[in-house]
Structure formats: structure tokens, C-alpha cells
Amino acid sequence: MRKKNFLSRHPHPVNNCTRIWFVNRFFYPDHSATSQILSDLAFHLVARGQNVGVITSRDAYDDPSVTLPAFEKINGVAINRVARSRFGREKIIGRAVDYLGLYGAFAAAATRLAKRGDWIVVKTDPPLLSAAIAPVAKAKGLRLVNWLQDLYPEVALGLGLEALKPFAPLLIAARDASLRAATRNIAIGEKMRERLIKSGVNPERVTVIPNWCDNERIRPLAAKDNPLREAWGVGDKFVVGYSGNLGRAHEYQTLIEAAEHLRGETNIVFLFIGGGALTAGLKAEIEKRGLSPAFRFFPYQDARLLPQSLALPDIHWISLRPEMEGLIVPSKFYGIAAAGRPTVAVADLRGEIATLVDTYDCGDAVVPGDSHRLAEIIRLYAYNPERKTRMGNSAREMLERAFSRDFCLKRWENLFAEESPPQLAISPQVLITKPTAGAVS
């Protein structure tokens, strides 16, 4: 329940100053990933004196029965919500109809609410939203910023959505046109930035600002001080953890095979916290192979437990199919680093996370399929606590110097001050030697 003094209803404009508009399918109080990071930024900017509005839907990601108010003002952010069709996410046709309805509703709201000179920051939920908003930005003289959490339709094509193939060239052309028209395009990783430049976007209009975590709240926590170890029955075992969504862009076969190689080592357990499209398959494979004693599964946890749940594993594994590099970035990496834990990335060795763990000496990387190497690395950590501690400390140091919440939010502040923030590259020379710091109301 929100406190009443945080909420006011004020459906008419009271000033004409420049406003920063954000457009995304979900916003506070929704707790989905895109909502959380957008809400974090919007409330931060208001606290810094910016005039902020949000155009979003009236839905909650995990509860279809919820219909949020058409307008709220929360913590100074004017939230304008549009209605949409609800054919659901289960079928492609229904999802497509829902998306088309949202594109139209968001474009109409932006046309009605935004004024010449305003910023309009467009995220990628629903996919290709920038293509719907770019014409509005051009017609109204808005400064368009595309905040790219992923690159569609390439993600869908990489995941095997054959029905999209005939339309892909047209969709890519529309998407790329919106990127070239933008004042700035925000990529969440260096590999994504490289893909954007290869697609013809002016390098001067591409800035890397990673997603972030609450590194003040998520901090290293010793095993003896973590009540979840006892509550979840792992005691003093060596824990290999996974936290979050296990979706089609990931893979688990390498881990399963590594668990086979480690079958007799009962001091090592695998902890899975979360869900996702591949979770059922992972559980079935574990059951089929008789590996259940080595695995523990828990659902998504309340956000308040995140500092404890991320610190519970001794190491975390992250997976990403090589063809997904540059299209998405596993942002869970930053929470793992905040908790002071090493990451073992099952991914392309030249990819985003693999490069970071190598650059900062805060983990290891394994190519998908190399289960023998993965098992060797797990053993290396399990029987060498000094290595785990050293790399965990390096992970936390990396986060504080180059990927902290304050660092990322400051880069957003600089952008809206019409400054050109320095590119966040992943080369050791840059990061190690140069750390930096509807209705409207």
C-alpha cells in the first residue's frame, strides 16, 4: 500500500518548462525489470530538480487483473497511463494485436502531452517502440533518446521465431531509421554499441550507460551472517548459484553436464532462484539424470531479500547464447558484483560479460558446451577459498569504480544537461585508469 502523502492527482498542466518524458510499457508500482530501472531513474531525476513525466500502460506485468489509474503523480513524477487491448502473451497473434494497440496509444499520448523542446526517452518494451515514437518526435520537435534494453527483431529471429522472417527487413529498416533520427541512443553494453554502429548509426549519437543495481543495499555478506543459508538448507556447502530469469536466450546444458562430472562431490550444490521459459526443461533434465540431490530450486524472492539471496552463493553462473551477444546484456552481473561474488560466464569468450570478468579478474568464462572446463572451474573455487575471496573483492571494486548506481545515474544527468558523457568502454585502459564518478501536472 502506497503512502497517501506520496501520491497526488493533478490532471492539468501547471507550467510550461521543459520536461523529460519516458515511454515504457511498465512503471512504478510495477516490479518488472524494465519498470524498476526506469522508476529508479525517473525518481532520481525529479530529486535533482528535473521535470519528469511517464507514458505507460495501466497494467502490471505479473497480475493481469490489475488496472492502474489513468493518472497519478508519485514522488513528483507525472504518470500518464493508457489503456490497451488484452489478448494476452500466450499467442503470437494476440501479442501482436496488443503491441499494435500500445504503439498507437503511446504515440497518441506523446503527441498530446509533449511540447517542442521536450526530451522523450523511449525504451524497448514493447519491442520496436522507437519506430512508433520517432515520427511524433520529428513532427513536434522533441529530442528523441532511444534507451535500448535489447535489439529487436534480431533477438526474436535468434530465438527461432520463423513467422517474423518475412517482415524482418522492413522492421529492421524502421528501427534503424528511428535510431538514426535520435539525438542519442543509449546502449547497455559495449557490444550492443558496436552493433548499432555497424547498422549505420552515427557513433557520436551512441552512448553506453549500463543498467545498474542498488549497490548501497546489496553488499558483500559473509556466509556466517546470512540467515538464508540455514533457512534454505545449504549449511556450509559450496553453492553455485543462479538468480533471475532463465529464458530462451540462455542455455543450461553445459551446467547439467558439469554437474554430471561433479556427481560424487556432495559438498557442491547448485542453487536456482527465479524462473523463466527454460526452468521446466532444466528441472526435467535434472530429474531424468538423477541429479536432484545436488540442486535446490526457489521461486523469485521479495526484493527485500535480494542482498541475502545474491550473497548466498559462493559463485554465480551466467549463461548467454553466443548469437545473442550485443543484442541483450545479462544485467544480473552487476548485482552479483555488488554482492562481492565471482561470476562464471557460459558465453562467447569475446562477449560482454566474458570480457568484463577477464578485464577485472572477477570470474571466469567458458564457451557453451565445454562442461569439463566448467566443472574444473567450479572445483577450483570450491577447494580454493582464497581465489573466491580475491575475485569477489575484485568484482565489488569493479562495480564501485565503473558501474555503480551513482556513476550510471550521473551519466544520465549529463545527457539531459546536453553534455557529451565520455564513452564507457570496456578496455582496461579506460575503465581502470580513468574511473569517474492524457494529463500532466
Protein backbone atom coordinates (compact mmCIF):
# COMPACT_ATOMS: atom_id res chain seq x y z
CA MET A 1 0.00 0.00 0.00
CA ARG A 2 1.46 3.37 -1.00
CA LYS A 3 1.53 6.18 1.49
CA LYS A 4 -1.01 8.85 0.70
CA ASN A 5 1.44 11.70 1.14
CA PHE A 6 3.48 10.26 -1.76
CA LEU A 7 0.52 10.44 -4.12
CA SER A 8 -1.45 13.30 -5.57
CA ARG A 9 -3.84 13.62 -8.51
CA HIS A 10 -3.37 16.70 -10.63
CA PRO A 11 -4.74 16.27 -14.17
CA HIS A 12 -3.93 19.70 -15.61
CA PRO A 13 -0.64 21.37 -16.59
CA VAL A 14 0.70 23.96 -14.20
CA ASN A 15 3.86 25.08 -16.03
CA ASN A 16 5.49 25.11 -19.43
CA CYS A 17 9.06 24.21 -18.53
CA THR A 18 10.95 21.56 -20.47
CA ARG A 19 10.01 18.06 -19.43
CA ILE A 20 11.71 14.69 -19.75
CA TRP A 21 9.20 12.10 -20.93
CA PHE A 22 9.79 8.37 -20.58
CA VAL A 23 7.78 5.83 -22.59
CA ASN A 24 7.66 2.19 -21.50
CA ARG A 25 5.01 -0.48 -21.02
CA PHE A 26 5.53 -0.67 -17.25
CA PHE A 27 6.36 1.80 -14.49
CA TYR A 28 6.09 2.03 -10.71
CA PRO A 29 4.45 0.39 -8.77
CA ASP A 30 5.09 -2.49 -11.19
CA HIS A 31 8.14 -4.57 -10.22
CA SER A 32 9.25 -5.93 -13.61
CA ALA A 33 12.88 -5.37 -14.60
CA THR A 34 12.26 -2.57 -17.11
CA SER A 35 9.95 -0.83 -14.67
CA GLN A 36 12.36 -0.95 -11.75
CA ILE A 37 15.29 0.64 -13.52
CA LEU A 38 13.11 3.27 -15.22
CA SER A 39 11.39 4.12 -11.94
CA ASP A 40 14.77 4.44 -10.27
CA LEU A 41 15.97 6.92 -12.89
CA ALA A 42 12.75 8.94 -13.04
CA PHE A 43 12.55 9.47 -9.29
CA HIS A 44 16.27 10.30 -9.16
CA LEU A 45 15.91 12.98 -11.84
CA VAL A 46 12.98 14.59 -10.04
CA ALA A 47 15.08 14.70 -6.88
CA ARG A 48 17.69 16.58 -8.95
CA GLY A 49 15.16 19.19 -9.98
CA GLN A 50 14.10 17.82 -13.37
CA ASN A 51 10.52 17.93 -14.63
CA VAL A 52 9.64 14.30 -15.41
CA GLY A 53 6.63 12.59 -16.95
CA VAL A 54 5.98 8.97 -17.86
CA ILE A 55 3.76 7.50 -20.54
CA THR A 56 2.99 3.90 -19.70
CA SER A 57 0.22 1.29 -19.62
CA ARG A 58 -2.35 0.65 -16.91
CA ASP A 59 -1.14 -2.92 -16.46
CA ALA A 60 1.04 -4.83 -14.01
CA TYR A 61 3.44 -7.35 -15.52
CA ASP A 62 2.68 -10.24 -13.20
CA ASP A 63 -1.02 -9.64 -12.46
CA PRO A 64 -3.38 -9.29 -15.46
CA SER A 65 -6.28 -8.46 -13.14
CA VAL A 66 -4.71 -5.14 -12.15
CA THR A 67 -5.82 -1.90 -13.81
CA LEU A 68 -3.82 1.07 -12.56
CA PRO A 69 -5.21 4.64 -12.50
CA ALA A 70 -5.08 6.67 -15.72
CA PHE A 71 -3.10 9.38 -13.95
CA GLU A 72 -1.04 9.60 -10.77
CA LYS A 73 1.68 11.85 -9.50
CA ILE A 74 4.09 9.88 -7.34
CA ASN A 75 7.19 11.40 -5.78
CA GLY A 76 6.96 14.26 -8.25
CA VAL A 77 6.70 12.09 -11.40
CA ALA A 78 3.58 12.67 -13.53
CA ILE A 79 2.45 9.20 -14.63
CA ASN A 80 0.08 9.06 -17.60
CA ARG A 81 -1.30 5.58 -18.31
CA VAL A 82 -3.03 4.44 -21.47
CA ALA A 83 -5.49 1.58 -21.86
CA ARG A 84 -4.70 -1.30 -24.19
CA SER A 85 -6.22 -4.50 -25.54
CA ARG A 86 -5.63 -7.65 -23.51
CA PHE A 87 -5.42 -10.60 -25.85
CA GLY A 88 -2.54 -11.89 -23.76
CA ARG A 89 1.06 -13.05 -24.12
CA GLU A 90 0.33 -16.72 -24.85
CA LYS A 91 -0.28 -16.48 -28.61
CA ILE A 92 1.72 -14.55 -31.18
CA ILE A 93 -1.36 -13.04 -32.83
CA GLY A 94 -2.76 -11.82 -29.53
CA ARG A 95 0.58 -10.35 -28.52
CA ALA A 96 0.92 -8.61 -31.89
CA VAL A 97 -2.54 -7.03 -31.54
CA ASP A 98 -1.70 -5.87 -28.03
CA TYR A 99 1.57 -4.33 -29.20
CA LEU A 100 -0.05 -2.53 -32.13
CA GLY A 101 -2.63 -1.07 -29.76
CA LEU A 102 0.10 0.14 -27.42
CA TYR A 103 2.12 1.69 -30.24
CA GLY A 104 -0.89 3.73 -31.29
CA ALA A 105 -1.87 4.70 -27.74
CA PHE A 106 1.67 5.71 -26.79
CA ALA A 107 2.13 7.74 -29.98
CA ALA A 108 -1.18 9.50 -29.41
CA ALA A 109 -0.31 10.28 -25.79
CA ALA A 110 3.12 11.62 -26.77
CA THR A 111 1.51 13.79 -29.45
CA ARG A 112 -0.96 15.21 -26.95
CA LEU A 113 1.34 15.68 -23.96
CA ALA A 114 4.86 16.52 -25.13
CA LYS A 115 5.84 20.06 -26.12
CA ARG A 116 8.51 21.29 -28.53
CA GLY A 117 11.95 21.05 -26.93
CA ASP A 118 10.97 18.29 -24.50
CA TRP A 119 13.06 15.16 -24.21
CA ILE A 120 11.31 11.86 -24.96
CA VAL A 121 13.13 8.71 -23.86
CA VAL A 122 11.79 5.53 -25.44
CA LYS A 123 12.59 2.10 -24.02
CA THR A 124 12.18 -1.20 -25.88
CA ASP A 125 9.07 -2.59 -24.18
CA PRO A 126 7.14 -3.26 -26.32
CA PRO A 127 9.78 -4.09 -28.95
CA LEU A 128 10.40 -1.58 -31.75
CA LEU A 129 8.61 1.17 -29.84
CA SER A 130 11.09 3.74 -31.15
CA ALA A 131 9.73 3.26 -34.68
CA ALA A 132 6.28 4.37 -33.47
CA ILE A 133 7.52 7.37 -31.48
CA ALA A 134 10.20 8.73 -33.86
CA PRO A 135 7.63 10.30 -36.26
CA VAL A 136 5.97 12.05 -33.31
CA ALA A 137 9.33 13.36 -32.08
CA LYS A 138 10.15 14.72 -35.53
CA ALA A 139 6.74 16.36 -36.02
CA LYS A 140 6.72 18.00 -32.60
CA GLY A 141 10.39 18.98 -32.34
CA LEU A 142 11.18 16.62 -29.45
CA ARG A 143 14.66 15.42 -28.54
CA LEU A 144 14.44 11.68 -29.01
CA VAL A 145 16.52 9.28 -26.91
CA ASN A 146 16.29 5.53 -27.52
CA TRP A 147 17.09 3.53 -24.38
CA LEU A 148 17.85 0.09 -25.81
CA GLN A 149 17.49 -2.85 -23.45
CA ASP A 150 17.65 -5.23 -26.41
CA LEU A 151 17.64 -5.20 -30.19
CA TYR A 152 14.54 -6.46 -31.98
CA PRO A 153 13.75 -8.13 -34.30
CA GLU A 154 17.21 -9.72 -34.14
CA VAL A 155 16.51 -11.19 -30.70
CA ALA A 156 13.30 -12.84 -31.89
CA LEU A 157 14.98 -14.16 -35.04
CA GLY A 158 17.88 -15.51 -32.98
CA LEU A 159 15.41 -17.36 -30.78
CA GLY A 160 13.83 -19.03 -33.79
CA LEU A 161 10.65 -17.03 -34.38
CA GLU A 162 10.26 -18.09 -38.01
CA ALA A 163 6.97 -16.24 -38.52
CA LEU A 164 8.84 -12.95 -38.24
CA LYS A 165 11.34 -13.63 -41.03
CA PRO A 166 9.30 -12.24 -43.96
CA PHE A 167 8.81 -8.96 -42.08
CA ALA A 168 12.32 -8.67 -40.63
CA PRO A 169 13.88 -6.41 -43.31
CA LEU A 170 11.03 -3.91 -43.01
CA LEU A 171 11.15 -3.97 -39.20
CA ILE A 172 14.92 -3.52 -39.12
CA ALA A 173 14.70 -0.63 -41.58
CA ALA A 174 12.04 1.12 -39.48
CA ARG A 175 14.02 0.53 -36.29
CA ASP A 176 17.28 1.77 -37.78
CA ALA A 177 15.61 4.89 -39.17
CA SER A 178 14.39 5.75 -35.66
CA LEU A 179 17.91 5.23 -34.30
CA ARG A 180 19.48 7.49 -36.90
CA ALA A 181 16.86 10.17 -36.17
CA ALA A 182 17.54 10.19 -32.42
CA THR A 183 19.51 12.81 -30.52
CA ARG A 184 21.07 9.97 -28.57
CA ASN A 185 20.88 6.17 -28.45
CA ILE A 186 21.67 4.52 -25.13
CA ALA A 187 23.19 1.04 -25.37
CA ILE A 188 23.57 -1.01 -22.20
CA GLY A 189 26.81 -2.64 -23.27
CA GLU A 190 29.83 -2.09 -25.49
CA LYS A 191 28.93 -5.00 -27.78
CA MET A 192 25.49 -3.50 -28.32
CA ARG A 193 27.13 -0.19 -29.16
CA GLU A 194 29.25 -1.93 -31.79
CA ARG A 195 26.15 -3.48 -33.36
CA LEU A 196 24.41 -0.11 -33.53
CA ILE A 197 27.38 1.50 -35.27
CA LYS A 198 27.56 -1.39 -37.77
CA SER A 199 23.89 -0.79 -38.56
CA GLY A 200 24.70 2.76 -39.66
CA VAL A 201 24.07 4.82 -36.50
CA ASN A 202 26.45 7.76 -36.06
CA PRO A 203 28.97 6.75 -33.33
CA GLU A 204 28.64 10.23 -31.81
CA ARG A 205 24.96 9.51 -31.15
CA VAL A 206 25.58 6.25 -29.28
CA THR A 207 26.39 6.30 -25.57
CA VAL A 208 26.90 3.29 -23.32
CA ILE A 209 25.15 3.51 -19.95
CA PRO A 210 24.85 0.09 -18.31
CA ASN A 211 21.89 -0.95 -16.24
CA TRP A 212 22.61 -0.80 -12.55
CA CYS A 213 21.72 -2.29 -9.20
CA ASP A 214 21.30 -0.78 -5.77
CA ASN A 215 24.89 -1.24 -4.70
CA GLU A 216 24.29 0.60 -1.43
CA ARG A 217 21.75 -2.01 -0.35
CA ILE A 218 23.41 -5.03 -1.97
CA ARG A 219 26.77 -5.54 -0.31
CA PRO A 220 29.12 -8.43 0.44
CA LEU A 221 27.77 -10.60 3.25
CA ALA A 222 29.74 -13.34 4.97
CA ALA A 223 28.23 -16.83 4.90
CA LYS A 224 28.07 -16.99 8.69
CA ASP A 225 25.98 -13.82 8.74
CA ASN A 226 23.50 -14.92 6.07
CA PRO A 227 20.32 -16.44 7.59
CA LEU A 228 19.24 -17.88 4.23
CA ARG A 229 21.99 -20.49 4.31
CA GLU A 230 20.37 -22.20 7.25
CA ALA A 231 16.80 -21.48 6.17
CA TRP A 232 17.38 -22.95 2.71
CA GLY A 233 19.29 -25.97 3.93
CA VAL A 234 22.66 -25.40 2.28
CA GLY A 235 24.63 -25.00 5.51
CA ASP A 236 28.36 -24.92 4.85
CA LYS A 237 28.21 -26.44 1.37
CA PHE A 238 29.84 -24.75 -1.61
CA VAL A 239 26.99 -23.11 -3.54
CA VAL A 240 26.90 -22.42 -7.28
CA GLY A 241 24.02 -20.00 -7.78
CA TYR A 242 21.75 -18.66 -10.49
CA SER A 243 19.42 -15.75 -9.79
CA GLY A 244 16.69 -14.41 -12.05
CA ASN A 245 15.17 -15.34 -15.38
CA LEU A 246 16.37 -18.39 -17.30
CA GLY A 247 14.98 -17.58 -20.73
CA ARG A 248 15.41 -18.74 -24.30
CA ALA A 249 18.46 -16.51 -24.77
CA HIS A 250 20.29 -18.63 -22.20
CA GLU A 251 21.34 -22.27 -22.04
CA TYR A 252 21.71 -24.82 -19.25
CA GLN A 253 23.10 -27.94 -20.93
CA THR A 254 26.71 -27.00 -20.13
CA LEU A 255 25.84 -26.71 -16.45
CA ILE A 256 23.95 -30.02 -16.43
CA GLU A 257 26.94 -31.81 -17.94
CA ALA A 258 29.27 -30.12 -15.44
CA ALA A 259 27.02 -31.33 -12.61
CA GLU A 260 27.41 -34.85 -14.03
CA HIS A 261 31.20 -34.52 -13.79
CA LEU A 262 30.79 -33.36 -10.18
CA ARG A 263 28.22 -36.01 -9.25
CA GLY A 264 30.25 -37.56 -6.45
CA GLU A 265 31.23 -34.29 -4.79
CA THR A 266 28.40 -33.85 -2.32
CA ASN A 267 29.89 -30.69 -0.81
CA ILE A 268 28.91 -28.82 -4.01
CA VAL A 269 25.28 -27.82 -4.59
CA PHE A 270 23.54 -25.82 -7.30
CA LEU A 271 21.02 -23.20 -6.23
CA PHE A 272 18.46 -21.75 -8.64
CA ILE A 273 16.38 -18.71 -7.60
CA GLY A 274 13.84 -17.48 -10.12
CA GLY A 275 12.02 -18.83 -13.14
CA GLY A 276 11.74 -18.46 -16.89
CA ALA A 277 10.94 -20.34 -20.07
CA LEU A 278 13.77 -22.89 -19.66
CA THR A 279 13.19 -23.68 -15.99
CA ALA A 280 10.82 -26.59 -16.58
CA GLY A 281 13.25 -28.17 -19.04
CA LEU A 282 16.12 -27.76 -16.60
CA LYS A 283 14.15 -29.44 -13.81
CA ALA A 284 13.09 -32.29 -16.08
CA GLU A 285 16.69 -32.93 -17.19
CA ILE A 286 17.89 -32.93 -13.59
CA GLU A 287 15.21 -35.43 -12.64
CA LYS A 288 15.95 -37.63 -15.65
CA ARG A 289 19.66 -37.80 -14.80
CA GLY A 290 19.13 -38.38 -11.10
CA LEU A 291 20.89 -35.15 -10.14
CA SER A 292 18.14 -33.82 -7.88
CA PRO A 293 20.14 -34.16 -4.62
CA ALA A 294 22.65 -31.61 -5.95
CA PHE A 295 20.06 -28.96 -6.89
CA ARG A 296 17.86 -26.56 -4.89
CA PHE A 297 15.09 -24.52 -6.51
CA PHE A 298 13.38 -21.46 -5.07
CA PRO A 299 10.92 -19.04 -6.72
CA TYR A 300 11.53 -15.34 -7.23
CA GLN A 301 12.03 -13.73 -3.84
CA ASP A 302 10.77 -10.49 -2.36
CA ALA A 303 13.10 -7.65 -3.37
CA ARG A 304 13.88 -7.06 0.29
CA LEU A 305 15.71 -10.41 0.39
CA LEU A 306 17.94 -9.63 -2.59
CA PRO A 307 21.02 -8.63 -0.52
CA GLN A 308 20.87 -12.01 1.21
CA SER A 309 19.91 -14.16 -1.79
CA LEU A 310 22.64 -12.73 -4.04
CA ALA A 311 25.25 -13.18 -1.31
CA LEU A 312 24.22 -16.77 -0.54
CA PRO A 313 26.05 -18.49 -3.45
CA ASP A 314 29.83 -18.71 -3.30
CA ILE A 315 29.91 -18.14 -7.07
CA HIS A 316 27.24 -17.37 -9.67
CA TRP A 317 26.90 -18.70 -13.19
CA ILE A 318 25.50 -16.66 -16.06
CA SER A 319 24.72 -18.05 -19.48
CA LEU A 320 24.11 -16.38 -22.83
CA ARG A 321 23.89 -17.98 -26.24
CA PRO A 322 26.72 -16.59 -28.42
CA GLU A 323 24.31 -15.38 -31.11
CA MET A 324 22.67 -13.13 -28.50
CA GLU A 325 25.84 -11.13 -27.81
CA GLY A 326 25.27 -7.45 -28.44
CA LEU A 327 21.50 -7.95 -28.58
CA ILE A 328 20.97 -8.24 -24.83
CA VAL A 329 23.18 -7.96 -21.74
CA PRO A 330 22.66 -10.14 -18.62
CA SER A 331 22.32 -7.24 -16.19
CA LYS A 332 22.21 -9.62 -13.22
CA PHE A 333 26.01 -9.47 -13.47
CA TYR A 334 26.03 -6.11 -11.66
CA GLY A 335 24.01 -7.37 -8.69
CA ILE A 336 26.37 -10.34 -8.39
CA ALA A 337 29.34 -7.99 -8.37
CA ALA A 338 27.66 -5.77 -5.76
CA ALA A 339 27.34 -8.83 -3.50
CA GLY A 340 31.07 -9.42 -3.88
CA ARG A 341 30.76 -12.75 -5.67
CA PRO A 342 32.69 -14.04 -8.71
CA THR A 343 30.84 -14.79 -11.95
CA VAL A 344 31.38 -17.80 -14.18
CA ALA A 345 30.04 -16.86 -17.61
CA VAL A 346 29.00 -19.61 -20.01
CA ALA A 347 29.14 -17.44 -23.10
CA ASP A 348 31.19 -16.26 -26.06
CA LEU A 349 34.70 -15.58 -24.75
CA ARG A 350 34.73 -12.31 -26.72
CA GLY A 351 31.32 -11.28 -25.36
CA GLU A 352 30.34 -8.55 -22.92
CA ILE A 353 30.40 -10.43 -19.61
CA ALA A 354 33.34 -12.66 -20.52
CA THR A 355 35.40 -9.58 -21.38
CA LEU A 356 34.50 -7.88 -18.12
CA VAL A 357 35.36 -10.86 -15.89
CA ASP A 358 38.69 -11.17 -17.70
CA THR A 359 39.46 -7.44 -17.59
CA TYR A 360 38.69 -7.09 -13.90
CA ASP A 361 39.81 -10.56 -12.77
CA CYS A 362 36.44 -11.12 -11.10
CA GLY A 363 35.48 -14.51 -12.50
CA ASP A 364 35.93 -16.90 -15.39
CA ALA A 365 34.36 -17.63 -18.77
CA VAL A 366 33.62 -20.89 -20.53
CA VAL A 367 32.35 -21.46 -24.05
CA PRO A 368 28.94 -23.16 -24.16
CA GLY A 369 29.42 -26.90 -24.40
CA ASP A 370 32.73 -27.07 -22.52
CA SER A 371 31.33 -28.80 -19.47
CA HIS A 372 34.68 -30.31 -18.46
CA ARG A 373 36.18 -26.84 -18.18
CA LEU A 374 33.17 -25.58 -16.23
CA ALA A 375 33.48 -28.46 -13.76
CA GLU A 376 37.19 -27.72 -13.36
CA ILE A 377 36.48 -24.06 -12.61
CA ILE A 378 33.80 -24.93 -10.04
CA ARG A 379 36.26 -27.28 -8.32
CA LEU A 380 38.94 -24.57 -8.41
CA TYR A 381 36.67 -22.22 -6.46
CA ALA A 382 35.27 -24.89 -4.16
CA TYR A 383 38.70 -26.01 -2.94
CA ASN A 384 40.45 -22.65 -3.08
CA PRO A 385 38.55 -20.17 -0.88
CA GLU A 386 41.29 -17.57 -1.30
CA ARG A 387 40.52 -17.42 -5.03
CA LYS A 388 36.82 -16.94 -4.35
CA THR A 389 37.55 -14.14 -1.88
CA ARG A 390 40.05 -12.38 -4.12
CA MET A 391 37.81 -12.43 -7.18
CA GLY A 392 34.76 -11.46 -5.15
CA ASN A 393 36.63 -8.43 -3.83
CA SER A 394 37.67 -7.55 -7.38
CA ALA A 395 34.04 -7.74 -8.50
CA ARG A 396 32.90 -5.30 -5.84
CA GLU A 397 35.80 -2.96 -6.61
CA MET A 398 34.92 -3.05 -10.31
CA LEU A 399 31.32 -2.13 -9.56
CA GLU A 400 32.23 0.78 -7.32
CA ARG A 401 34.75 2.22 -9.78
CA ALA A 402 32.95 1.82 -13.09
CA PHE A 403 29.37 0.51 -12.80
CA SER A 404 27.89 1.90 -9.60
CA ARG A 405 24.37 3.25 -9.43
CA ASP A 406 25.66 6.79 -8.84
CA PHE A 407 28.02 6.52 -11.81
CA CYS A 408 25.25 5.46 -14.18
CA LEU A 409 22.70 7.98 -12.91
CA LYS A 410 25.26 10.76 -13.24
CA ARG A 411 25.75 9.86 -16.90
CA TRP A 412 22.00 10.25 -17.42
CA GLU A 413 22.12 13.64 -15.68
CA ASN A 414 24.93 14.71 -18.02
CA LEU A 415 22.94 13.64 -21.03
CA PHE A 416 19.98 15.81 -20.12
CA ALA A 417 22.32 18.70 -19.38
CA GLU A 418 23.24 18.39 -23.09
CA GLU A 419 26.75 17.36 -22.24
CA SER A 420 28.51 14.55 -24.07
CA PRO A 421 29.48 11.99 -21.43
CA PRO A 422 32.65 10.04 -22.20
CA GLN A 423 32.06 6.66 -23.77
CA LEU A 424 32.03 3.83 -21.26
CA ALA A 425 34.38 1.40 -22.95
CA ILE A 426 35.37 -1.98 -21.60
CA SER A 427 39.08 -1.70 -22.27
CA PRO A 428 41.32 -1.84 -19.19
CA GLN A 429 42.95 1.45 -20.24
CA VAL A 430 39.66 3.35 -19.99
CA LEU A 431 37.97 1.74 -17.03
CA ILE A 432 40.94 1.10 -14.79
CA THR A 433 42.94 4.27 -15.38
CA LYS A 434 40.03 6.68 -15.76
CA PRO A 435 37.21 5.82 -13.30
CA THR A 436 34.59 8.57 -12.84
CA ALA A 437 32.40 9.29 -10.89
CA GLY A 438 -3.53 12.13 -21.00
CA ALA A 439 -2.96 14.52 -18.31
CA VAL A 440 0.05 16.20 -16.92
CA SER A 441 0.69 18.14 -13.80
